């Protein structure tokens, strides 16, 4: 069995005649310096017309440059038959609709029963060999879409899109009360709470953080609202902290819930923060196609939404 993934190739044009292989890899295939350092040391890492070459070699129009990545696996992750919802999959990507309550990646003291354990088992059963590379994370209680790259090249390219702000990430939340303004931008620096290190707060000395929100529906008696959110930055707990800062914390969010009246009964309705990553879009690193994935509300949030819409109070 081959120890390399299928090659990624590029056909040199007249405009690139006389360029070094290195320049083509950087400018046309977008290979990072770190990744180039890895692949150029492997036997089949960089090929010019099927022959291994140094990255300083010169190319001419019509030449085919190929890079091949060595196969990897997550040997430190125990395969487990944990079911998960596949939204999309090809040789480069796996898009999953994560269920609430599932941790994405093993952490200290929690080595099993994670999404990673389930995905590694799934690949093993398929006879595939990949390393588990989530491009972004979701909190344990947050449900919704998450992208997993199947090699370092794909991970690098989607990560760069995240940094550039060209990835579409939309969240749906059910919050306490109804925001006064139908839409707005929350600009509030975030940092650790000095009194509770696991908690984050809005503070003038924090790291810049931007969240835009739009109220989709306010429920009877203004007991709650459905809100659509988009992130301008990616701080830890950002949505939860920002919505709390304007007086509308997420229903069921035990860490950030403001203490008042009717919150206890609503928390019992769902048992976790009512937050769902409902939309994810980016450009496919290999095909250049613009991809957009959507995931409807999970059963627990949909039930909570219906109860709020019906004016049920407990």
C-alpha atoms as a PDB file:
ATOM      1  CA  UNK A   1       0.000   0.000   0.000  1.00  0.00           C
ATOM      2  CA  UNK A   2       1.271   3.469  -0.888  1.00  0.00           C
ATOM      3  CA  UNK A   3       2.725   5.528   1.942  1.00  0.00           C
ATOM      4  CA  UNK A   4       1.697   8.769   0.201  1.00  0.00           C
ATOM      5  CA  UNK A   5      -1.630  10.477  -0.432  1.00  0.00           C
ATOM      6  CA  UNK A   6      -2.636  11.228  -4.013  1.00  0.00           C
ATOM      7  CA  UNK A   7      -0.387  13.959  -5.447  1.00  0.00           C
ATOM      8  CA  UNK A   8      -1.421  17.586  -5.815  1.00  0.00           C
ATOM      9  CA  UNK A   9      -0.296  18.847  -9.221  1.00  0.00           C
ATOM     10  CA  UNK A  10       0.152  22.093 -11.127  1.00  0.00           C
ATOM     11  CA  UNK A  11       0.805  22.658 -14.850  1.00  0.00           C
ATOM     12  CA  UNK A  12       3.337  25.429 -15.486  1.00  0.00           C
ATOM     13  CA  UNK A  13       2.136  28.225 -17.801  1.00  0.00           C
ATOM     14  CA  UNK A  14       4.079  30.480 -20.176  1.00  0.00           C
ATOM     15  CA  UNK A  15       4.022  33.258 -17.562  1.00  0.00           C
ATOM     16  CA  UNK A  16       5.920  31.033 -15.113  1.00  0.00           C
ATOM     17  CA  UNK A  17       8.589  29.933 -17.621  1.00  0.00           C
ATOM     18  CA  UNK A  18      12.012  30.052 -15.922  1.00  0.00           C
ATOM     19  CA  UNK A  19      10.640  30.177 -12.358  1.00  0.00           C
ATOM     20  CA  UNK A  20      12.126  28.016  -9.641  1.00  0.00           C
ATOM     21  CA  UNK A  21      10.019  25.092  -8.440  1.00  0.00           C
ATOM     22  CA  UNK A  22       9.961  26.752  -5.015  1.00  0.00           C
ATOM     23  CA  UNK A  23       8.394  29.908  -6.424  1.00  0.00           C
ATOM     24  CA  UNK A  24       5.670  27.950  -8.221  1.00  0.00           C
ATOM     25  CA  UNK A  25       4.859  25.958  -5.088  1.00  0.00           C
ATOM     26  CA  UNK A  26       4.596  29.106  -2.981  1.00  0.00           C
ATOM     27  CA  UNK A  27       2.697  31.340  -5.396  1.00  0.00           C
ATOM     28  CA  UNK A  28       0.527  28.902  -7.350  1.00  0.00           C
ATOM     29  CA  UNK A  29      -0.109  26.056  -4.922  1.00  0.00           C
ATOM     30  CA  UNK A  30       0.206  28.181  -1.793  1.00  0.00           C
ATOM     31  CA  UNK A  31       2.577  25.792  -0.028  1.00  0.00           C
ATOM     32  CA  UNK A  32       3.799  27.290   3.247  1.00  0.00           C
ATOM     33  CA  UNK A  33       7.481  27.339   4.189  1.00  0.00           C
ATOM     34  CA  UNK A  34       6.826  24.892   7.015  1.00  0.00           C
ATOM     35  CA  UNK A  35       5.085  22.406   4.760  1.00  0.00           C
ATOM     36  CA  UNK A  36       7.704  22.813   2.027  1.00  0.00           C
ATOM     37  CA  UNK A  37      10.442  21.980   4.518  1.00  0.00           C
ATOM     38  CA  UNK A  38       8.628  18.716   5.253  1.00  0.00           C
ATOM     39  CA  UNK A  39       7.842  17.560   1.747  1.00  0.00           C
ATOM     40  CA  UNK A  40      11.181  18.397   0.130  1.00  0.00           C
ATOM     41  CA  UNK A  41      12.917  15.889   2.426  1.00  0.00           C
ATOM     42  CA  UNK A  42      10.702  12.968   1.418  1.00  0.00           C
ATOM     43  CA  UNK A  43      11.425  10.594  -1.471  1.00  0.00           C
ATOM     44  CA  UNK A  44       8.385  11.594  -3.520  1.00  0.00           C
ATOM     45  CA  UNK A  45       7.717  14.968  -1.947  1.00  0.00           C
ATOM     46  CA  UNK A  46       8.415  17.231  -4.934  1.00  0.00           C
ATOM     47  CA  UNK A  47       8.383  15.865  -8.480  1.00  0.00           C
ATOM     48  CA  UNK A  48       8.920  17.648 -11.795  1.00  0.00           C
ATOM     49  CA  UNK A  49       7.438  15.647 -14.672  1.00  0.00           C
ATOM     50  CA  UNK A  50       7.568  12.568 -12.449  1.00  0.00           C
ATOM     51  CA  UNK A  51      11.188  13.004 -11.372  1.00  0.00           C
ATOM     52  CA  UNK A  52      12.366  14.106  -7.950  1.00  0.00           C
ATOM     53  CA  UNK A  53      14.045  17.533  -8.073  1.00  0.00           C
ATOM     54  CA  UNK A  54      15.440  20.200  -5.798  1.00  0.00           C
ATOM     55  CA  UNK A  55      13.077  23.111  -5.220  1.00  0.00           C
ATOM     56  CA  UNK A  56      15.710  25.381  -6.804  1.00  0.00           C
ATOM     57  CA  UNK A  57      15.233  23.644 -10.192  1.00  0.00           C
ATOM     58  CA  UNK A  58      13.943  25.807 -13.034  1.00  0.00           C
ATOM     59  CA  UNK A  59      10.706  25.049 -14.850  1.00  0.00           C
ATOM     60  CA  UNK A  60       9.390  25.663 -18.350  1.00  0.00           C
ATOM     61  CA  UNK A  61       5.894  25.999 -19.743  1.00  0.00           C
ATOM     62  CA  UNK A  62       4.084  22.665 -19.864  1.00  0.00           C
ATOM     63  CA  UNK A  63       6.004  21.118 -16.983  1.00  0.00           C
ATOM     64  CA  UNK A  64       3.963  19.358 -14.305  1.00  0.00           C
ATOM     65  CA  UNK A  65       4.944  19.925 -10.692  1.00  0.00           C
ATOM     66  CA  UNK A  66       3.543  17.503  -8.131  1.00  0.00           C
ATOM     67  CA  UNK A  67       3.743  17.383  -4.370  1.00  0.00           C
ATOM     68  CA  UNK A  68       2.931  14.280  -2.338  1.00  0.00           C
ATOM     69  CA  UNK A  69       2.329  14.174   1.401  1.00  0.00           C
ATOM     70  CA  UNK A  70       3.268  11.134   3.443  1.00  0.00           C
ATOM     71  CA  UNK A  71       0.310   9.369   5.033  1.00  0.00           C
ATOM     72  CA  UNK A  72      -0.232  10.075   8.719  1.00  0.00           C
ATOM     73  CA  UNK A  73      -2.382   8.684  11.489  1.00  0.00           C
ATOM     74  CA  UNK A  74      -3.467   9.728  14.983  1.00  0.00           C
ATOM     75  CA  UNK A  75      -1.756   6.930  16.889  1.00  0.00           C
ATOM     76  CA  UNK A  76      -2.452   8.665  20.209  1.00  0.00           C
ATOM     77  CA  UNK A  77      -6.243   8.584  19.662  1.00  0.00           C
ATOM     78  CA  UNK A  78      -8.090   5.396  20.575  1.00  0.00           C
ATOM     79  CA  UNK A  79     -10.560   4.359  17.831  1.00  0.00           C
ATOM     80  CA  UNK A  80     -14.106   4.046  19.211  1.00  0.00           C
ATOM     81  CA  UNK A  81     -17.402   3.244  17.445  1.00  0.00           C
ATOM     82  CA  UNK A  82     -19.012   6.597  18.257  1.00  0.00           C
ATOM     83  CA  UNK A  83     -21.712   7.604  15.741  1.00  0.00           C
ATOM     84  CA  UNK A  84     -21.567  11.068  14.188  1.00  0.00           C
ATOM     85  CA  UNK A  85     -23.393  12.932  11.424  1.00  0.00           C
ATOM     86  CA  UNK A  86     -21.419  13.313   8.174  1.00  0.00           C
ATOM     87  CA  UNK A  87     -22.528  16.329   6.135  1.00  0.00           C
ATOM     88  CA  UNK A  88     -19.869  16.099   3.399  1.00  0.00           C
ATOM     89  CA  UNK A  89     -16.756  14.099   2.624  1.00  0.00           C
ATOM     90  CA  UNK A  90     -14.166  13.850  -0.136  1.00  0.00           C
ATOM     91  CA  UNK A  91     -10.480  12.896  -0.261  1.00  0.00           C
ATOM     92  CA  UNK A  92      -9.500  16.208   1.323  1.00  0.00           C
ATOM     93  CA  UNK A  93     -12.258  17.082   3.774  1.00  0.00           C
ATOM     94  CA  UNK A  94     -14.728  15.752   6.283  1.00  0.00           C
ATOM     95  CA  UNK A  95     -17.554  18.044   7.423  1.00  0.00           C
ATOM     96  CA  UNK A  96     -19.392  16.873  10.532  1.00  0.00           C
ATOM     97  CA  UNK A  97     -22.535  18.112  12.276  1.00  0.00           C
ATOM     98  CA  UNK A  98     -21.350  17.655  15.873  1.00  0.00           C
ATOM     99  CA  UNK A  99     -23.904  16.604  18.460  1.00  0.00           C
ATOM    100  CA  UNK A 100     -24.127  18.586  21.718  1.00  0.00           C
ATOM    101  CA  UNK A 101     -22.212  17.150  24.652  1.00  0.00           C
ATOM    102  CA  UNK A 102     -19.375  15.733  22.547  1.00  0.00           C
ATOM    103  CA  UNK A 103     -15.816  17.009  23.032  1.00  0.00           C
ATOM    104  CA  UNK A 104     -13.993  17.527  19.725  1.00  0.00           C
ATOM    105  CA  UNK A 105     -10.519  16.308  20.691  1.00  0.00           C
ATOM    106  CA  UNK A 106      -9.130  14.266  23.621  1.00  0.00           C
ATOM    107  CA  UNK A 107      -7.908  16.446  26.461  1.00  0.00           C
ATOM    108  CA  UNK A 108      -6.114  15.829  29.736  1.00  0.00           C
ATOM    109  CA  UNK A 109      -8.295  13.516  31.778  1.00  0.00           C
ATOM    110  CA  UNK A 110     -10.729  12.949  28.887  1.00  0.00           C
ATOM    111  CA  UNK A 111      -9.102  10.607  26.390  1.00  0.00           C
ATOM    112  CA  UNK A 112     -12.150   8.767  25.075  1.00  0.00           C
ATOM    113  CA  UNK A 113     -15.729   9.380  23.918  1.00  0.00           C
ATOM    114  CA  UNK A 114     -14.720  12.365  21.770  1.00  0.00           C
ATOM    115  CA  UNK A 115     -15.481  13.198  18.149  1.00  0.00           C
ATOM    116  CA  UNK A 116     -11.852  12.380  17.351  1.00  0.00           C
ATOM    117  CA  UNK A 117     -12.228   8.838  18.706  1.00  0.00           C
ATOM    118  CA  UNK A 118     -15.286   8.298  16.510  1.00  0.00           C
ATOM    119  CA  UNK A 119     -13.724   9.762  13.355  1.00  0.00           C
ATOM    120  CA  UNK A 120     -10.508   7.750  13.743  1.00  0.00           C
ATOM    121  CA  UNK A 121     -12.581   4.583  14.149  1.00  0.00           C
ATOM    122  CA  UNK A 122     -14.653   5.479  11.070  1.00  0.00           C
ATOM    123  CA  UNK A 123     -11.543   5.989   8.947  1.00  0.00           C
ATOM    124  CA  UNK A 124     -10.032   2.757  10.250  1.00  0.00           C
ATOM    125  CA  UNK A 125     -13.167   0.830   9.274  1.00  0.00           C
ATOM    126  CA  UNK A 126     -12.966   2.428   5.800  1.00  0.00           C
ATOM    127  CA  UNK A 127      -9.369   1.272   5.436  1.00  0.00           C
ATOM    128  CA  UNK A 128      -8.227   4.912   5.299  1.00  0.00           C
ATOM    129  CA  UNK A 129      -5.255   6.489   7.038  1.00  0.00           C
ATOM    130  CA  UNK A 130      -5.503  10.113   8.129  1.00  0.00           C
ATOM    131  CA  UNK A 131      -4.505  12.222  11.080  1.00  0.00           C
ATOM    132  CA  UNK A 132      -7.399  13.920  12.891  1.00  0.00           C
ATOM    133  CA  UNK A 133      -7.009  17.620  12.037  1.00  0.00           C
ATOM    134  CA  UNK A 134      -9.992  19.807  13.007  1.00  0.00           C
ATOM    135  CA  UNK A 135      -9.618  23.220  11.372  1.00  0.00           C
ATOM    136  CA  UNK A 136     -11.551  24.882  14.194  1.00  0.00           C
ATOM    137  CA  UNK A 137     -13.172  23.863  17.481  1.00  0.00           C
ATOM    138  CA  UNK A 138     -16.578  23.969  19.113  1.00  0.00           C
ATOM    139  CA  UNK A 139     -17.248  23.889  22.853  1.00  0.00           C
ATOM    140  CA  UNK A 140     -18.428  20.568  24.242  1.00  0.00           C
ATOM    141  CA  UNK A 141     -22.005  21.806  24.645  1.00  0.00           C
ATOM    142  CA  UNK A 142     -22.137  23.649  21.310  1.00  0.00           C
ATOM    143  CA  UNK A 143     -23.583  21.646  18.421  1.00  0.00           C
ATOM    144  CA  UNK A 144     -23.094  22.127  14.713  1.00  0.00           C
ATOM    145  CA  UNK A 145     -20.713  22.186  11.785  1.00  0.00           C
ATOM    146  CA  UNK A 146     -17.019  21.518  12.080  1.00  0.00           C
ATOM    147  CA  UNK A 147     -14.430  21.014   9.311  1.00  0.00           C
ATOM    148  CA  UNK A 148     -11.767  18.314   9.547  1.00  0.00           C
ATOM    149  CA  UNK A 149      -8.821  18.384   7.133  1.00  0.00           C
ATOM    150  CA  UNK A 150      -7.362  15.108   5.910  1.00  0.00           C
ATOM    151  CA  UNK A 151      -3.807  16.372   5.433  1.00  0.00           C
ATOM    152  CA  UNK A 152      -1.539  19.250   6.373  1.00  0.00           C
ATOM    153  CA  UNK A 153      -1.948  21.061   3.019  1.00  0.00           C
ATOM    154  CA  UNK A 154      -5.745  21.225   3.338  1.00  0.00           C
ATOM    155  CA  UNK A 155      -5.500  22.285   6.983  1.00  0.00           C
ATOM    156  CA  UNK A 156      -3.074  25.073   6.101  1.00  0.00           C
ATOM    157  CA  UNK A 157      -5.269  26.494   3.341  1.00  0.00           C
ATOM    158  CA  UNK A 158      -8.522  26.553   5.300  1.00  0.00           C
ATOM    159  CA  UNK A 159      -6.696  27.971   8.336  1.00  0.00           C
ATOM    160  CA  UNK A 160      -5.395  30.793   6.135  1.00  0.00           C
ATOM    161  CA  UNK A 161      -8.954  31.520   5.003  1.00  0.00           C
ATOM    162  CA  UNK A 162     -10.021  31.675   8.651  1.00  0.00           C
ATOM    163  CA  UNK A 163      -7.240  34.150   9.417  1.00  0.00           C
ATOM    164  CA  UNK A 164      -8.160  36.224   6.354  1.00  0.00           C
ATOM    165  CA  UNK A 165     -11.790  36.340   7.480  1.00  0.00           C
ATOM    166  CA  UNK A 166     -13.121  34.755   4.282  1.00  0.00           C
ATOM    167  CA  UNK A 167     -14.709  31.737   5.988  1.00  0.00           C
ATOM    168  CA  UNK A 168     -18.473  31.993   6.552  1.00  0.00           C
ATOM    169  CA  UNK A 169     -19.382  30.931  10.096  1.00  0.00           C
ATOM    170  CA  UNK A 170     -22.924  31.514  11.277  1.00  0.00           C
ATOM    171  CA  UNK A 171     -24.292  30.502  14.654  1.00  0.00           C
ATOM    172  CA  UNK A 172     -27.854  30.279  15.905  1.00  0.00           C
ATOM    173  CA  UNK A 173     -28.563  30.921  19.585  1.00  0.00           C
ATOM    174  CA  UNK A 174     -31.584  31.082  21.844  1.00  0.00           C
ATOM    175  CA  UNK A 175     -31.085  33.811  24.422  1.00  0.00           C
ATOM    176  CA  UNK A 176     -32.870  35.209  27.443  1.00  0.00           C
ATOM    177  CA  UNK A 177     -34.973  38.288  26.768  1.00  0.00           C
ATOM    178  CA  UNK A 178     -35.135  40.182  23.478  1.00  0.00           C
ATOM    179  CA  UNK A 179     -32.334  42.574  22.444  1.00  0.00           C
ATOM    180  CA  UNK A 180     -33.496  46.188  22.172  1.00  0.00           C
ATOM    181  CA  UNK A 181     -31.976  46.605  18.721  1.00  0.00           C
ATOM    182  CA  UNK A 182     -32.914  44.113  15.953  1.00  0.00           C
ATOM    183  CA  UNK A 183     -29.285  43.872  14.905  1.00  0.00           C
ATOM    184  CA  UNK A 184     -25.926  45.239  15.912  1.00  0.00           C
ATOM    185  CA  UNK A 185     -22.217  44.720  16.480  1.00  0.00           C
ATOM    186  CA  UNK A 186     -20.787  43.947  19.902  1.00  0.00           C
ATOM    187  CA  UNK A 187     -17.293  45.403  20.194  1.00  0.00           C
ATOM    188  CA  UNK A 188     -15.943  44.265  23.544  1.00  0.00           C
ATOM    189  CA  UNK A 189     -12.365  43.176  24.358  1.00  0.00           C
ATOM    190  CA  UNK A 190     -12.245  39.780  26.087  1.00  0.00           C
ATOM    191  CA  UNK A 191      -9.851  38.318  28.631  1.00  0.00           C
ATOM    192  CA  UNK A 192      -9.828  35.849  31.522  1.00  0.00           C
ATOM    193  CA  UNK A 193     -11.801  36.644  34.639  1.00  0.00           C
ATOM    194  CA  UNK A 194      -9.089  37.161  37.293  1.00  0.00           C
ATOM    195  CA  UNK A 195     -11.385  35.681  39.935  1.00  0.00           C
ATOM    196  CA  UNK A 196     -12.480  32.665  37.824  1.00  0.00           C
ATOM    197  CA  UNK A 197      -9.724  31.716  35.321  1.00  0.00           C
ATOM    198  CA  UNK A 198     -11.969  29.360  33.315  1.00  0.00           C
ATOM    199  CA  UNK A 199     -14.408  32.202  32.718  1.00  0.00           C
ATOM    200  CA  UNK A 200     -13.980  35.094  30.260  1.00  0.00           C
ATOM    201  CA  UNK A 201     -15.172  38.676  30.677  1.00  0.00           C
ATOM    202  CA  UNK A 202     -15.397  41.873  28.651  1.00  0.00           C
ATOM    203  CA  UNK A 203     -12.690  44.191  29.918  1.00  0.00           C
ATOM    204  CA  UNK A 204     -10.961  47.291  28.453  1.00  0.00           C
ATOM    205  CA  UNK A 205      -7.584  45.563  28.800  1.00  0.00           C
ATOM    206  CA  UNK A 206      -8.699  42.418  26.939  1.00  0.00           C
ATOM    207  CA  UNK A 207      -8.053  41.168  23.427  1.00  0.00           C
ATOM    208  CA  UNK A 208     -10.112  42.798  20.635  1.00  0.00           C
ATOM    209  CA  UNK A 209     -13.330  40.911  19.884  1.00  0.00           C
ATOM    210  CA  UNK A 210     -16.213  41.599  17.481  1.00  0.00           C
ATOM    211  CA  UNK A 211     -19.540  39.786  17.192  1.00  0.00           C
ATOM    212  CA  UNK A 212     -22.414  40.787  14.912  1.00  0.00           C
ATOM    213  CA  UNK A 213     -25.927  39.675  15.756  1.00  0.00           C
ATOM    214  CA  UNK A 214     -29.373  39.756  14.171  1.00  0.00           C
ATOM    215  CA  UNK A 215     -32.611  38.994  15.980  1.00  0.00           C
ATOM    216  CA  UNK A 216     -34.584  36.401  14.003  1.00  0.00           C
ATOM    217  CA  UNK A 217     -37.578  36.210  16.357  1.00  0.00           C
ATOM    218  CA  UNK A 218     -38.641  37.515  19.740  1.00  0.00           C
ATOM    219  CA  UNK A 219     -40.927  35.189  21.679  1.00  0.00           C
ATOM    220  CA  UNK A 220     -44.132  36.037  23.619  1.00  0.00           C
ATOM    221  CA  UNK A 221     -43.551  38.143  26.700  1.00  0.00           C
ATOM    222  CA  UNK A 222     -39.962  38.730  25.558  1.00  0.00           C
ATOM    223  CA  UNK A 223     -38.922  35.674  27.549  1.00  0.00           C
ATOM    224  CA  UNK A 224     -36.402  34.800  24.879  1.00  0.00           C
ATOM    225  CA  UNK A 225     -35.251  35.314  21.304  1.00  0.00           C
ATOM    226  CA  UNK A 226     -33.654  33.454  18.436  1.00  0.00           C
ATOM    227  CA  UNK A 227     -30.507  35.232  17.335  1.00  0.00           C
ATOM    228  CA  UNK A 228     -28.180  34.760  14.369  1.00  0.00           C
ATOM    229  CA  UNK A 229     -24.521  35.521  15.093  1.00  0.00           C
ATOM    230  CA  UNK A 230     -21.346  35.941  13.087  1.00  0.00           C
ATOM    231  CA  UNK A 231     -17.845  36.249  14.499  1.00  0.00           C
ATOM    232  CA  UNK A 232     -15.392  38.957  13.524  1.00  0.00           C
ATOM    233  CA  UNK A 233     -12.763  37.358  15.782  1.00  0.00           C
ATOM    234  CA  UNK A 234     -12.393  33.973  17.426  1.00  0.00           C
ATOM    235  CA  UNK A 235     -11.911  34.449  21.150  1.00  0.00           C
ATOM    236  CA  UNK A 236     -12.661  31.679  23.631  1.00  0.00           C
ATOM    237  CA  UNK A 237     -16.378  31.704  24.627  1.00  0.00           C
ATOM    238  CA  UNK A 238     -16.805  34.866  22.511  1.00  0.00           C
ATOM    239  CA  UNK A 239     -20.506  34.529  21.674  1.00  0.00           C
ATOM    240  CA  UNK A 240     -21.386  33.507  25.212  1.00  0.00           C
ATOM    241  CA  UNK A 241     -19.427  36.383  26.759  1.00  0.00           C
ATOM    242  CA  UNK A 242     -20.662  39.031  24.315  1.00  0.00           C
ATOM    243  CA  UNK A 243     -24.336  38.119  24.595  1.00  0.00           C
ATOM    244  CA  UNK A 244     -24.006  38.127  28.379  1.00  0.00           C
ATOM    245  CA  UNK A 245     -22.358  41.554  28.225  1.00  0.00           C
ATOM    246  CA  UNK A 246     -25.462  43.073  26.589  1.00  0.00           C
ATOM    247  CA  UNK A 247     -27.815  41.403  29.062  1.00  0.00           C
ATOM    248  CA  UNK A 248     -28.948  38.469  26.900  1.00  0.00           C
ATOM    249  CA  UNK A 249     -26.993  35.345  27.857  1.00  0.00           C
ATOM    250  CA  UNK A 250     -27.586  32.051  26.108  1.00  0.00           C
ATOM    251  CA  UNK A 251     -30.360  29.953  27.596  1.00  0.00           C
ATOM    252  CA  UNK A 252     -28.873  27.039  29.518  1.00  0.00           C
ATOM    253  CA  UNK A 253     -25.383  28.554  29.755  1.00  0.00           C
ATOM    254  CA  UNK A 254     -24.589  27.791  33.389  1.00  0.00           C
ATOM    255  CA  UNK A 255     -21.225  29.558  33.317  1.00  0.00           C
ATOM    256  CA  UNK A 256     -22.504  32.890  32.021  1.00  0.00           C
ATOM    257  CA  UNK A 257     -26.181  32.972  32.968  1.00  0.00           C
ATOM    258  CA  UNK A 258     -27.242  36.190  34.660  1.00  0.00           C
ATOM    259  CA  UNK A 259     -29.114  35.558  37.894  1.00  0.00           C
ATOM    260  CA  UNK A 260     -32.722  36.557  37.593  1.00  0.00           C
ATOM    261  CA  UNK A 261     -36.275  35.200  37.650  1.00  0.00           C
ATOM    262  CA  UNK A 262     -37.395  32.707  35.026  1.00  0.00           C
ATOM    263  CA  UNK A 263     -33.996  31.363  34.016  1.00  0.00           C
ATOM    264  CA  UNK A 264     -33.990  28.211  36.122  1.00  0.00           C
ATOM    265  CA  UNK A 265     -36.952  26.548  34.413  1.00  0.00           C
ATOM    266  CA  UNK A 266     -35.628  27.357  30.929  1.00  0.00           C
ATOM    267  CA  UNK A 267     -32.247  25.865  31.776  1.00  0.00           C
ATOM    268  CA  UNK A 268     -33.999  22.640  32.723  1.00  0.00           C
ATOM    269  CA  UNK A 269     -35.659  22.535  29.290  1.00  0.00           C
ATOM    270  CA  UNK A 270     -32.374  22.106  27.443  1.00  0.00           C
ATOM    271  CA  UNK A 271     -29.606  21.282  29.934  1.00  0.00           C
ATOM    272  CA  UNK A 272     -26.847  22.975  27.921  1.00  0.00           C
ATOM    273  CA  UNK A 273     -26.078  26.300  26.263  1.00  0.00           C
ATOM    274  CA  UNK A 274     -28.468  26.856  23.354  1.00  0.00           C
ATOM    275  CA  UNK A 275     -25.816  27.492  20.696  1.00  0.00           C
ATOM    276  CA  UNK A 276     -25.533  25.820  17.291  1.00  0.00           C
ATOM    277  CA  UNK A 277     -23.005  26.325  14.466  1.00  0.00           C
ATOM    278  CA  UNK A 278     -25.588  26.410  11.700  1.00  0.00           C
ATOM    279  CA  UNK A 279     -23.614  27.520   8.626  1.00  0.00           C
ATOM    280  CA  UNK A 280     -20.052  27.005   7.398  1.00  0.00           C
ATOM    281  CA  UNK A 281     -18.608  28.125   4.076  1.00  0.00           C
ATOM    282  CA  UNK A 282     -15.141  28.364   2.506  1.00  0.00           C
ATOM    283  CA  UNK A 283     -13.235  27.835  -0.733  1.00  0.00           C
ATOM    284  CA  UNK A 284     -12.152  24.249  -1.407  1.00  0.00           C
ATOM    285  CA  UNK A 285      -8.312  24.244  -1.322  1.00  0.00           C
ATOM    286  CA  UNK A 286      -8.002  21.885  -4.296  1.00  0.00           C
ATOM    287  CA  UNK A 287     -10.889  22.704  -6.627  1.00  0.00           C
ATOM    288  CA  UNK A 288     -11.368  26.380  -5.757  1.00  0.00           C
ATOM    289  CA  UNK A 289     -15.116  25.744  -5.475  1.00  0.00           C
ATOM    290  CA  UNK A 290     -17.031  27.839  -2.951  1.00  0.00           C
ATOM    291  CA  UNK A 291     -18.603  25.419  -0.489  1.00  0.00           C
ATOM    292  CA  UNK A 292     -21.479  26.235   1.846  1.00  0.00           C
ATOM    293  CA  UNK A 293     -22.890  23.817   4.401  1.00  0.00           C
ATOM    294  CA  UNK A 294     -25.966  24.217   6.598  1.00  0.00           C
ATOM    295  CA  UNK A 295     -27.206  22.291   9.608  1.00  0.00           C
ATOM    296  CA  UNK A 296     -30.710  22.723  11.028  1.00  0.00           C
ATOM    297  CA  UNK A 297     -31.317  23.074  14.762  1.00  0.00           C
ATOM    298  CA  UNK A 298     -30.760  19.880  16.758  1.00  0.00           C
ATOM    299  CA  UNK A 299     -33.748  18.297  18.474  1.00  0.00           C
ATOM    300  CA  UNK A 300     -33.160  19.853  21.910  1.00  0.00           C
ATOM    301  CA  UNK A 301     -32.877  23.409  20.574  1.00  0.00           C
ATOM    302  CA  UNK A 302     -35.848  22.938  18.258  1.00  0.00           C
ATOM    303  CA  UNK A 303     -37.975  21.746  21.195  1.00  0.00           C
ATOM    304  CA  UNK A 304     -36.867  24.723  23.277  1.00  0.00           C
ATOM    305  CA  UNK A 305     -37.653  27.060  20.379  1.00  0.00           C
ATOM    306  CA  UNK A 306     -41.157  25.615  20.081  1.00  0.00           C
ATOM    307  CA  UNK A 307     -41.809  25.996  23.801  1.00  0.00           C
ATOM    308  CA  UNK A 308     -40.643  29.606  23.716  1.00  0.00           C
ATOM    309  CA  UNK A 309     -42.718  30.308  20.618  1.00  0.00           C
ATOM    310  CA  UNK A 310     -45.765  28.821  22.329  1.00  0.00           C
ATOM    311  CA  UNK A 311     -45.284  30.967  25.380  1.00  0.00           C
ATOM    312  CA  UNK A 312     -44.707  27.998  27.694  1.00  0.00           C
ATOM    313  CA  UNK A 313     -43.187  29.098  30.965  1.00  0.00           C
ATOM    314  CA  UNK A 314     -42.459  25.822  32.687  1.00  0.00           C
END
